[in-house]
Amino acid sequence: MGINWKVRFKHKSFWISIIALLSVFLNQVASIFNVDLTIYNAQITELAETVLMIFVFLGVIVDPTTEGIKDSEQALSYLEPRKK
């Protein structure tokens, strides 16, 4: 598959995005079965899900081989993906 899972598992943003993804996913599945997991009003739920989706988005685009969410200088210099 070409993914270095060991590196991803050690990256904080990967885990934040996984937790956010699972939270939103569980809420969506629960709503399909008419189970209300919210203990607060709908507006706060919408806001929380929006924030969680932003975390998911950041986890999707983050380079797990660098610290933080920025790309390395080497990755920034690529004009196309490096071939094996």
PDB file of N, CA and C in Angstrom:
ATOM      1  N   MET A   1       0.829  -1.192   0.000  1.00  0.00           N
ATOM      2  CA  MET A   1       0.000   0.000   0.000  1.00  0.00           C
ATOM      3  C   MET A   1       0.868   1.246   0.000  1.00  0.00           C
ATOM      4  N   GLY A   2       2.110   1.162   0.397  1.00  0.00           N
ATOM      5  CA  GLY A   2       3.012   2.300   0.313  1.00  0.00           C
ATOM      6  C   GLY A   2       2.852   3.336   1.413  1.00  0.00           C
ATOM      7  N   ILE A   3       2.292   2.942   2.555  1.00  0.00           N
ATOM      8  CA  ILE A   3       2.111   3.874   3.668  1.00  0.00           C
ATOM      9  C   ILE A   3       2.943   3.390   4.848  1.00  0.00           C
ATOM     10  N   ASN A   4       3.716   4.276   5.418  1.00  0.00           N
ATOM     11  CA  ASN A   4       4.532   3.940   6.581  1.00  0.00           C
ATOM     12  C   ASN A   4       3.678   4.133   7.840  1.00  0.00           C
ATOM     13  N   TRP A   5       2.971   3.070   8.233  1.00  0.00           N
ATOM     14  CA  TRP A   5       2.043   3.163   9.357  1.00  0.00           C
ATOM     15  C   TRP A   5       2.757   3.398  10.677  1.00  0.00           C
ATOM     16  N   LYS A   6       3.983   2.897  10.830  1.00  0.00           N
ATOM     17  CA  LYS A   6       4.729   3.101  12.079  1.00  0.00           C
ATOM     18  C   LYS A   6       4.942   4.586  12.344  1.00  0.00           C
ATOM     19  N   VAL A   7       5.274   5.327  11.297  1.00  0.00           N
ATOM     20  CA  VAL A   7       5.491   6.765  11.443  1.00  0.00           C
ATOM     21  C   VAL A   7       4.171   7.467  11.723  1.00  0.00           C
ATOM     22  N   ARG A   8       3.120   7.083  11.012  1.00  0.00           N
ATOM     23  CA  ARG A   8       1.813   7.721  11.231  1.00  0.00           C
ATOM     24  C   ARG A   8       1.316   7.503  12.657  1.00  0.00           C
ATOM     25  N   PHE A   9       1.482   6.301  13.187  1.00  0.00           N
ATOM     26  CA  PHE A   9       1.008   6.004  14.537  1.00  0.00           C
ATOM     27  C   PHE A   9       1.729   6.828  15.598  1.00  0.00           C
ATOM     28  N   LYS A  10       2.921   7.304  15.301  1.00  0.00           N
ATOM     29  CA  LYS A  10       3.686   8.108  16.254  1.00  0.00           C
ATOM     30  C   LYS A  10       3.379   9.599  16.150  1.00  0.00           C
ATOM     31  N   HIS A  11       2.564   9.998  15.194  1.00  0.00           N
ATOM     32  CA  HIS A  11       2.292  11.412  14.947  1.00  0.00           C
ATOM     33  C   HIS A  11       0.997  11.827  15.645  1.00  0.00           C
ATOM     34  N   LYS A  12       1.052  12.891  16.459  1.00  0.00           N
ATOM     35  CA  LYS A  12      -0.116  13.339  17.235  1.00  0.00           C
ATOM     36  C   LYS A  12      -1.302  13.705  16.357  1.00  0.00           C
ATOM     37  N   SER A  13      -1.061  14.390  15.251  1.00  0.00           N
ATOM     38  CA  SER A  13      -2.174  14.837  14.412  1.00  0.00           C
ATOM     39  C   SER A  13      -2.911  13.658  13.782  1.00  0.00           C
ATOM     40  N   PHE A  14      -2.226  12.548  13.561  1.00  0.00           N
ATOM     41  CA  PHE A  14      -2.891  11.344  13.058  1.00  0.00           C
ATOM     42  C   PHE A  14      -3.938  10.877  14.066  1.00  0.00           C
ATOM     43  N   TRP A  15      -3.559  10.818  15.340  1.00  0.00           N
ATOM     44  CA  TRP A  15      -4.482  10.351  16.374  1.00  0.00           C
ATOM     45  C   TRP A  15      -5.615  11.338  16.615  1.00  0.00           C
ATOM     46  N   ILE A  16      -5.320  12.625  16.536  1.00  0.00           N
ATOM     47  CA  ILE A  16      -6.384  13.625  16.679  1.00  0.00           C
ATOM     48  C   ILE A  16      -7.404  13.457  15.569  1.00  0.00           C
ATOM     49  N   SER A  17      -6.924  13.249  14.343  1.00  0.00           N
ATOM     50  CA  SER A  17      -7.852  13.088  13.222  1.00  0.00           C
ATOM     51  C   SER A  17      -8.637  11.787  13.330  1.00  0.00           C
ATOM     52  N   ILE A  18      -8.005  10.711  13.807  1.00  0.00           N
ATOM     53  CA  ILE A  18      -8.716   9.440  13.967  1.00  0.00           C
ATOM     54  C   ILE A  18      -9.809   9.571  15.028  1.00  0.00           C
ATOM     55  N   ILE A  19      -9.493  10.191  16.146  1.00  0.00           N
ATOM     56  CA  ILE A  19     -10.486  10.381  17.213  1.00  0.00           C
ATOM     57  C   ILE A  19     -11.628  11.265  16.726  1.00  0.00           C
ATOM     58  N   ALA A  20     -11.295  12.338  16.022  1.00  0.00           N
ATOM     59  CA  ALA A  20     -12.330  13.224  15.488  1.00  0.00           C
ATOM     60  C   ALA A  20     -13.199  12.487  14.476  1.00  0.00           C
ATOM     61  N   LEU A  21     -12.576  11.734  13.599  1.00  0.00           N
ATOM     62  CA  LEU A  21     -13.319  10.973  12.598  1.00  0.00           C
ATOM     63  C   LEU A  21     -14.262   9.977  13.255  1.00  0.00           C
ATOM     64  N   LEU A  22     -13.776   9.241  14.241  1.00  0.00           N
ATOM     65  CA  LEU A  22     -14.619   8.263  14.926  1.00  0.00           C
ATOM     66  C   LEU A  22     -15.771   8.928  15.673  1.00  0.00           C
ATOM     67  N   SER A  23     -15.523  10.079  16.274  1.00  0.00           N
ATOM     68  CA  SER A  23     -16.580  10.794  16.998  1.00  0.00           C
ATOM     69  C   SER A  23     -17.703  11.205  16.060  1.00  0.00           C
ATOM     70  N   VAL A  24     -17.341  11.805  14.942  1.00  0.00           N
ATOM     71  CA  VAL A  24     -18.354  12.237  13.977  1.00  0.00           C
ATOM     72  C   VAL A  24     -19.051  11.024  13.368  1.00  0.00           C
ATOM     73  N   PHE A  25     -18.285   9.996  13.041  1.00  0.00           N
ATOM     74  CA  PHE A  25     -18.853   8.785  12.447  1.00  0.00           C
ATOM     75  C   PHE A  25     -19.862   8.124  13.384  1.00  0.00           C
ATOM     76  N   LEU A  26     -19.497   7.976  14.659  1.00  0.00           N
ATOM     77  CA  LEU A  26     -20.412   7.357  15.619  1.00  0.00           C
ATOM     78  C   LEU A  26     -21.691   8.163  15.783  1.00  0.00           C
ATOM     79  N   ASN A  27     -21.571   9.478  15.782  1.00  0.00           N
ATOM     80  CA  ASN A  27     -22.761  10.320  15.884  1.00  0.00           C
ATOM     81  C   ASN A  27     -23.651  10.151  14.653  1.00  0.00           C
ATOM     82  N   GLN A  28     -23.049  10.042  13.479  1.00  0.00           N
ATOM     83  CA  GLN A  28     -23.826   9.857  12.254  1.00  0.00           C
ATOM     84  C   GLN A  28     -24.524   8.495  12.242  1.00  0.00           C
ATOM     85  N   VAL A  29     -23.820   7.451  12.634  1.00  0.00           N
ATOM     86  CA  VAL A  29     -24.412   6.113  12.672  1.00  0.00           C
ATOM     87  C   VAL A  29     -25.540   6.073  13.694  1.00  0.00           C
ATOM     88  N   ALA A  30     -25.337   6.684  14.842  1.00  0.00           N
ATOM     89  CA  ALA A  30     -26.382   6.716  15.870  1.00  0.00           C
ATOM     90  C   ALA A  30     -27.628   7.429  15.361  1.00  0.00           C
ATOM     91  N   SER A  31     -27.438   8.506  14.603  1.00  0.00           N
ATOM     92  CA  SER A  31     -28.601   9.239  14.092  1.00  0.00           C
ATOM     93  C   SER A  31     -29.368   8.420  13.061  1.00  0.00           C
ATOM     94  N   ILE A  32     -28.697   7.538  12.336  1.00  0.00           N
ATOM     95  CA  ILE A  32     -29.391   6.658  11.383  1.00  0.00           C
ATOM     96  C   ILE A  32     -30.375   5.756  12.120  1.00  0.00           C
ATOM     97  N   PHE A  33     -29.992   5.317  13.311  1.00  0.00           N
ATOM     98  CA  PHE A  33     -30.836   4.433  14.109  1.00  0.00           C
ATOM     99  C   PHE A  33     -31.678   5.193  15.137  1.00  0.00           C
ATOM    100  N   ASN A  34     -31.830   6.507  14.923  1.00  0.00           N
ATOM    101  CA  ASN A  34     -32.630   7.375  15.794  1.00  0.00           C
ATOM    102  C   ASN A  34     -32.180   7.341  17.251  1.00  0.00           C
ATOM    103  N   VAL A  35     -30.889   7.223  17.468  1.00  0.00           N
ATOM    104  CA  VAL A  35     -30.321   7.294  18.813  1.00  0.00           C
ATOM    105  C   VAL A  35     -29.684   8.666  18.958  1.00  0.00           C
ATOM    106  N   ASP A  36     -30.106   9.400  19.961  1.00  0.00           N
ATOM    107  CA  ASP A  36     -29.586  10.750  20.166  1.00  0.00           C
ATOM    108  C   ASP A  36     -28.442  10.708  21.174  1.00  0.00           C
ATOM    109  N   LEU A  37     -27.228  10.929  20.679  1.00  0.00           N
ATOM    110  CA  LEU A  37     -26.058  10.927  21.554  1.00  0.00           C
ATOM    111  C   LEU A  37     -25.760  12.303  22.134  1.00  0.00           C
ATOM    112  N   THR A  38     -26.489  13.301  21.684  1.00  0.00           N
ATOM    113  CA  THR A  38     -26.205  14.657  22.146  1.00  0.00           C
ATOM    114  C   THR A  38     -26.804  14.875  23.529  1.00  0.00           C
ATOM    115  N   ILE A  39     -26.017  15.513  24.371  1.00  0.00           N
ATOM    116  CA  ILE A  39     -26.516  15.855  25.701  1.00  0.00           C
ATOM    117  C   ILE A  39     -26.641  17.370  25.832  1.00  0.00           C
ATOM    118  N   TYR A  40     -26.476  18.049  24.722  1.00  0.00           N
ATOM    119  CA  TYR A  40     -26.600  19.500  24.679  1.00  0.00           C
ATOM    120  C   TYR A  40     -27.374  19.854  23.425  1.00  0.00           C
ATOM    121  N   ASN A  41     -27.586  21.122  23.173  1.00  0.00           N
ATOM    122  CA  ASN A  41     -28.447  21.494  22.053  1.00  0.00           C
ATOM    123  C   ASN A  41     -27.790  21.262  20.694  1.00  0.00           C
ATOM    124  N   ALA A  42     -28.588  21.311  19.659  1.00  0.00           N
ATOM    125  CA  ALA A  42     -28.142  20.977  18.304  1.00  0.00           C
ATOM    126  C   ALA A  42     -27.089  21.947  17.772  1.00  0.00           C
ATOM    127  N   GLN A  43     -27.163  23.217  18.158  1.00  0.00           N
ATOM    128  CA  GLN A  43     -26.191  24.191  17.657  1.00  0.00           C
ATOM    129  C   GLN A  43     -24.785  23.887  18.165  1.00  0.00           C
ATOM    130  N   ILE A  44     -24.679  23.492  19.406  1.00  0.00           N
ATOM    131  CA  ILE A  44     -23.369  23.139  19.955  1.00  0.00           C
ATOM    132  C   ILE A  44     -22.861  21.862  19.287  1.00  0.00           C
ATOM    133  N   THR A  45     -23.771  20.921  19.015  1.00  0.00           N
ATOM    134  CA  THR A  45     -23.387  19.699  18.314  1.00  0.00           C
ATOM    135  C   THR A  45     -22.836  20.018  16.933  1.00  0.00           C
ATOM    136  N   GLU A  46     -23.519  20.898  16.201  1.00  0.00           N
ATOM    137  CA  GLU A  46     -23.054  21.295  14.865  1.00  0.00           C
ATOM    138  C   GLU A  46     -21.672  21.936  14.946  1.00  0.00           C
ATOM    139  N   LEU A  47     -21.471  22.800  15.918  1.00  0.00           N
ATOM    140  CA  LEU A  47     -20.176  23.461  16.084  1.00  0.00           C
ATOM    141  C   LEU A  47     -19.086  22.438  16.413  1.00  0.00           C
ATOM    142  N   ALA A  48     -19.387  21.519  17.317  1.00  0.00           N
ATOM    143  CA  ALA A  48     -18.408  20.497  17.696  1.00  0.00           C
ATOM    144  C   ALA A  48     -18.043  19.622  16.500  1.00  0.00           C
ATOM    145  N   GLU A  49     -19.036  19.237  15.706  1.00  0.00           N
ATOM    146  CA  GLU A  49     -18.756  18.411  14.534  1.00  0.00           C
ATOM    147  C   GLU A  49     -17.942  19.171  13.499  1.00  0.00           C
ATOM    148  N   THR A  50     -18.184  20.461  13.360  1.00  0.00           N
ATOM    149  CA  THR A  50     -17.394  21.271  12.432  1.00  0.00           C
ATOM    150  C   THR A  50     -15.932  21.311  12.867  1.00  0.00           C
ATOM    151  N   VAL A  51     -15.696  21.528  14.148  1.00  0.00           N
ATOM    152  CA  VAL A  51     -14.323  21.552  14.665  1.00  0.00           C
ATOM    153  C   VAL A  51     -13.664  20.189  14.467  1.00  0.00           C
ATOM    154  N   LEU A  52     -14.396  19.120  14.747  1.00  0.00           N
ATOM    155  CA  LEU A  52     -13.847  17.778  14.568  1.00  0.00           C
ATOM    156  C   LEU A  52     -13.510  17.501  13.108  1.00  0.00           C
ATOM    157  N   MET A  53     -14.347  17.957  12.189  1.00  0.00           N
ATOM    158  CA  MET A  53     -14.069  17.751  10.766  1.00  0.00           C
ATOM    159  C   MET A  53     -12.828  18.530  10.330  1.00  0.00           C
ATOM    160  N   ILE A  54     -12.593  19.688  10.908  1.00  0.00           N
ATOM    161  CA  ILE A  54     -11.363  20.438  10.611  1.00  0.00           C
ATOM    162  C   ILE A  54     -10.152  19.631  11.069  1.00  0.00           C
ATOM    163  N   PHE A  55     -10.241  19.015  12.250  1.00  0.00           N
ATOM    164  CA  PHE A  55      -9.150  18.159  12.726  1.00  0.00           C
ATOM    165  C   PHE A  55      -8.933  16.970  11.788  1.00  0.00           C
ATOM    166  N   VAL A  56     -10.024  16.384  11.303  1.00  0.00           N
ATOM    167  CA  VAL A  56      -9.906  15.277  10.348  1.00  0.00           C
ATOM    168  C   VAL A  56      -9.198  15.755   9.094  1.00  0.00           C
ATOM    169  N   PHE A  57      -9.600  16.912   8.586  1.00  0.00           N
ATOM    170  CA  PHE A  57      -8.983  17.460   7.380  1.00  0.00           C
ATOM    171  C   PHE A  57      -7.488  17.681   7.584  1.00  0.00           C
ATOM    172  N   LEU A  58      -7.114  18.238   8.708  1.00  0.00           N
ATOM    173  CA  LEU A  58      -5.690  18.450   8.988  1.00  0.00           C
ATOM    174  C   LEU A  58      -4.937  17.128   9.075  1.00  0.00           C
ATOM    175  N   GLY A  59      -5.573  16.125   9.629  1.00  0.00           N
ATOM    176  CA  GLY A  59      -4.931  14.819   9.713  1.00  0.00           C
ATOM    177  C   GLY A  59      -4.760  14.155   8.367  1.00  0.00           C
ATOM    178  N   VAL A  60      -5.649  14.469   7.435  1.00  0.00           N
ATOM    179  CA  VAL A  60      -5.557  13.890   6.100  1.00  0.00           C
ATOM    180  C   VAL A  60      -4.416  14.503   5.314  1.00  0.00           C
ATOM    181  N   ILE A  61      -4.195  15.808   5.457  1.00  0.00           N
ATOM    182  CA  ILE A  61      -3.189  16.465   4.627  1.00  0.00           C
ATOM    183  C   ILE A  61      -1.828  16.595   5.288  1.00  0.00           C
ATOM    184  N   VAL A  62      -1.699  16.202   6.533  1.00  0.00           N
ATOM    185  CA  VAL A  62      -0.433  16.377   7.247  1.00  0.00           C
ATOM    186  C   VAL A  62       0.626  15.395   6.741  1.00  0.00           C
ATOM    187  N   ASP A  63       1.866  15.853   6.730  1.00  0.00           N
ATOM    188  CA  ASP A  63       3.007  15.007   6.367  1.00  0.00           C
ATOM    189  C   ASP A  63       3.519  14.350   7.643  1.00  0.00           C
ATOM    190  N   PRO A  64       3.307  13.043   7.819  1.00  0.00           N
ATOM    191  CA  PRO A  64       3.673  12.398   9.075  1.00  0.00           C
ATOM    192  C   PRO A  64       5.174  12.259   9.287  1.00  0.00           C
ATOM    193  N   THR A  65       5.964  12.593   8.287  1.00  0.00           N
ATOM    194  CA  THR A  65       7.412  12.461   8.438  1.00  0.00           C
ATOM    195  C   THR A  65       8.054  13.721   8.987  1.00  0.00           C
ATOM    196  N   THR A  66       7.247  14.747   9.274  1.00  0.00           N
ATOM    197  CA  THR A  66       7.772  15.988   9.826  1.00  0.00           C
ATOM    198  C   THR A  66       7.083  16.294  11.146  1.00  0.00           C
ATOM    199  N   GLU A  67       7.713  17.121  11.951  1.00  0.00           N
ATOM    200  CA  GLU A  67       7.131  17.562  13.220  1.00  0.00           C
ATOM    201  C   GLU A  67       6.104  18.643  12.917  1.00  0.00           C
ATOM    202  N   GLY A  68       4.960  18.609  13.596  1.00  0.00           N
ATOM    203  CA  GLY A  68       3.919  19.607  13.366  1.00  0.00           C
ATOM    204  C   GLY A  68       3.126  19.297  12.108  1.00  0.00           C
ATOM    205  N   ILE A  69       2.500  20.336  11.538  1.00  0.00           N
ATOM    206  CA  ILE A  69       1.669  20.108  10.358  1.00  0.00           C
ATOM    207  C   ILE A  69       2.278  20.686   9.090  1.00  0.00           C
ATOM    208  N   LYS A  70       3.510  21.208   9.176  1.00  0.00           N
ATOM    209  CA  LYS A  70       4.155  21.761   7.988  1.00  0.00           C
ATOM    210  C   LYS A  70       4.911  20.673   7.237  1.00  0.00           C
ATOM    211  N   ASP A  71       5.110  20.911   5.924  1.00  0.00           N
ATOM    212  CA  ASP A  71       5.944  20.026   5.121  1.00  0.00           C
ATOM    213  C   ASP A  71       7.411  20.371   5.330  1.00  0.00           C
ATOM    214  N   SER A  72       8.279  19.406   5.065  1.00  0.00           N
ATOM    215  CA  SER A  72       9.717  19.646   5.149  1.00  0.00           C
ATOM    216  C   SER A  72      10.159  20.493   3.962  1.00  0.00           C
ATOM    217  N   GLU A  73      11.348  21.068   4.071  1.00  0.00           N
ATOM    218  CA  GLU A  73      11.899  21.849   2.956  1.00  0.00           C
ATOM    219  C   GLU A  73      12.019  20.986   1.706  1.00  0.00           C
ATOM    220  N   GLN A  74      12.409  19.734   1.887  1.00  0.00           N
ATOM    221  CA  GLN A  74      12.541  18.825   0.751  1.00  0.00           C
ATOM    222  C   GLN A  74      11.184  18.607   0.084  1.00  0.00           C
ATOM    223  N   ALA A  75      10.146  18.369   0.870  1.00  0.00           N
ATOM    224  CA  ALA A  75       8.816  18.142   0.308  1.00  0.00           C
ATOM    225  C   ALA A  75       8.279  19.391  -0.382  1.00  0.00           C
ATOM    226  N   LEU A  76       8.605  20.560   0.147  1.00  0.00           N
ATOM    227  CA  LEU A  76       8.148  21.804  -0.473  1.00  0.00           C
ATOM    228  C   LEU A  76       8.794  22.034  -1.833  1.00  0.00           C
ATOM    229  N   SER A  77       9.961  21.444  -2.069  1.00  0.00           N
ATOM    230  CA  SER A  77      10.657  21.657  -3.339  1.00  0.00           C
ATOM    231  C   SER A  77      10.173  20.729  -4.448  1.00  0.00           C
ATOM    232  N   TYR A  78       9.369  19.721  -4.129  1.00  0.00           N
ATOM    233  CA  TYR A  78       8.886  18.786  -5.151  1.00  0.00           C
ATOM    234  C   TYR A  78       7.901  19.470  -6.094  1.00  0.00           C
ATOM    235  N   LEU A  79       8.035  19.197  -7.375  1.00  0.00           N
ATOM    236  CA  LEU A  79       7.058  19.653  -8.359  1.00  0.00           C
ATOM    237  C   LEU A  79       6.063  18.545  -8.676  1.00  0.00           C
ATOM    238  N   GLU A  80       6.453  17.310  -8.385  1.00  0.00           N
ATOM    239  CA  GLU A  80       5.579  16.150  -8.528  1.00  0.00           C
ATOM    240  C   GLU A  80       6.051  15.092  -7.533  1.00  0.00           C
ATOM    241  N   PRO A  81       5.205  14.115  -7.223  1.00  0.00           N
ATOM    242  CA  PRO A  81       5.610  13.094  -6.256  1.00  0.00           C
ATOM    243  C   PRO A  81       6.880  12.376  -6.700  1.00  0.00           C
ATOM    244  N   ARG A  82       7.721  12.068  -5.726  1.00  0.00           N
ATOM    245  CA  ARG A  82       8.978  11.379  -6.012  1.00  0.00           C
ATOM    246  C   ARG A  82       8.688   9.932  -6.392  1.00  0.00           C
ATOM    247  N   LYS A  83       9.362   9.459  -7.410  1.00  0.00           N
ATOM    248  CA  LYS A  83       9.213   8.070  -7.865  1.00  0.00           C
ATOM    249  C   LYS A  83      10.078   7.167  -7.000  1.00  0.00           C
ATOM    250  N   LYS A  84       9.688   5.916  -6.867  1.00  0.00           N
ATOM    251  CA  LYS A  84      10.472   4.946  -6.086  1.00  0.00           C
ATOM    252  C   LYS A  84      11.688   4.520  -6.853  1.00  0.00           C
TER     253      LYS A  84
END
